[in-house]
């Protein structure tokens, strides 16, 4: 921007936003709505991150439940087996 470039072209040259968001920012800058366009871009990135986190959690949650169930089963068996031996003797 020190050389006289617009904000949108400087952002796209740095690779901060991809083509769609850079074009949206350029149009918003020409219309004088840079603030609202930046808010729109931030909202879209927030939705994208939330979707990615949600999909990862959907995979992790059942895995954690299975692991905890196995650990609890092992603990119960380690308690019940000696009791069965004591009661059987």
Protein backbone atom coordinates (compact mmCIF):
# COMPACT_ATOMS: atom_id res chain seq x y z
CA UNK A 1 0.00 0.00 0.00
CA UNK A 2 3.01 2.27 0.41
CA UNK A 3 3.42 2.30 -3.39
CA UNK A 4 -0.13 3.57 -3.94
CA UNK A 5 -1.96 0.27 -4.42
CA UNK A 6 -5.50 -0.14 -3.22
CA UNK A 7 -6.22 -2.18 -0.13
CA UNK A 8 -7.93 -4.92 -2.14
CA UNK A 9 -5.04 -5.37 -4.56
CA UNK A 10 -2.50 -5.38 -1.73
CA UNK A 11 -4.50 -8.03 0.12
CA UNK A 12 -4.84 -10.23 -2.97
CA UNK A 13 -1.12 -9.92 -3.80
CA UNK A 14 -0.20 -11.01 -0.28
CA UNK A 15 -2.48 -14.04 -0.63
CA UNK A 16 -4.56 -13.27 2.43
CA UNK A 17 -7.85 -13.91 0.61
CA UNK A 18 -8.57 -16.23 -2.28
CA UNK A 19 -9.98 -15.04 -5.62
CA UNK A 20 -13.63 -14.85 -4.60
CA UNK A 21 -13.05 -12.86 -1.45
CA UNK A 22 -10.50 -10.61 -3.15
CA UNK A 23 -12.99 -9.82 -5.92
CA UNK A 24 -15.69 -9.18 -3.33
CA UNK A 25 -13.34 -6.84 -1.47
CA UNK A 26 -12.47 -4.99 -4.69
CA UNK A 27 -16.16 -4.47 -5.47
CA UNK A 28 -16.85 -3.36 -1.92
CA UNK A 29 -13.95 -0.94 -1.99
CA UNK A 30 -15.21 0.64 -5.22
CA UNK A 31 -18.69 0.97 -3.70
CA UNK A 32 -17.34 2.43 -0.47
CA UNK A 33 -18.55 -0.51 1.63
CA UNK A 34 -15.21 -1.97 2.70
CA UNK A 35 -16.28 -2.33 6.34
CA UNK A 36 -19.44 -4.27 5.56
CA UNK A 37 -17.61 -6.48 3.03
CA UNK A 38 -14.90 -7.26 5.59
CA UNK A 39 -17.63 -8.20 8.08
CA UNK A 40 -19.23 -10.44 5.45
CA UNK A 41 -15.89 -12.13 4.73
CA UNK A 42 -15.29 -12.60 8.46
CA UNK A 43 -18.74 -14.18 8.86
CA UNK A 44 -18.10 -16.58 5.99
CA UNK A 45 -14.71 -17.59 7.38
CA UNK A 46 -16.32 -18.10 10.80
CA UNK A 47 -18.97 -20.37 9.29
CA UNK A 48 -16.29 -22.32 7.42
CA UNK A 49 -14.23 -22.83 10.56
CA UNK A 50 -17.31 -23.85 12.56
CA UNK A 51 -18.22 -26.43 9.91
CA UNK A 52 -14.71 -27.88 9.89
CA UNK A 53 -14.58 -28.07 13.68
CA UNK A 54 -18.04 -29.66 13.77
CA UNK A 55 -17.07 -32.33 11.27
CA UNK A 56 -13.90 -33.15 13.18
CA UNK A 57 -15.80 -33.35 16.47
CA UNK A 58 -18.34 -35.66 14.86
CA UNK A 59 -15.48 -38.08 14.24
CA UNK A 60 -13.73 -37.63 17.59
CA UNK A 61 -16.76 -37.96 19.91
CA UNK A 62 -17.70 -41.57 19.06
CA UNK A 63 -14.05 -42.57 19.22
CA UNK A 64 -13.74 -41.15 22.74
CA UNK A 65 -16.95 -42.95 23.82
CA UNK A 66 -15.60 -46.27 22.52
CA UNK A 67 -12.24 -45.82 24.24
CA UNK A 68 -13.87 -44.88 27.56
CA UNK A 69 -16.23 -47.86 27.30
CA UNK A 70 -13.31 -50.22 26.77
CA UNK A 71 -11.41 -48.74 29.74
CA UNK A 72 -14.47 -49.05 32.00
CA UNK A 73 -15.00 -52.63 30.82
CA UNK A 74 -11.41 -53.52 31.67
CA UNK A 75 -11.76 -51.94 35.12
CA UNK A 76 -14.98 -53.86 35.78
CA UNK A 77 -13.39 -57.12 34.68
CA UNK A 78 -10.35 -56.50 36.87
CA UNK A 79 -12.67 -56.05 39.86
CA UNK A 80 -15.14 -58.85 39.07
CA UNK A 81 -12.63 -61.63 38.24
CA UNK A 82 -10.97 -61.68 41.69
CA UNK A 83 -14.42 -61.51 43.31
CA UNK A 84 -15.57 -64.54 41.30
CA UNK A 85 -12.44 -66.44 42.36
CA UNK A 86 -13.02 -65.56 46.02
CA UNK A 87 -16.69 -66.54 45.87
CA UNK A 88 -15.91 -69.75 44.01
CA UNK A 89 -13.29 -70.89 46.53
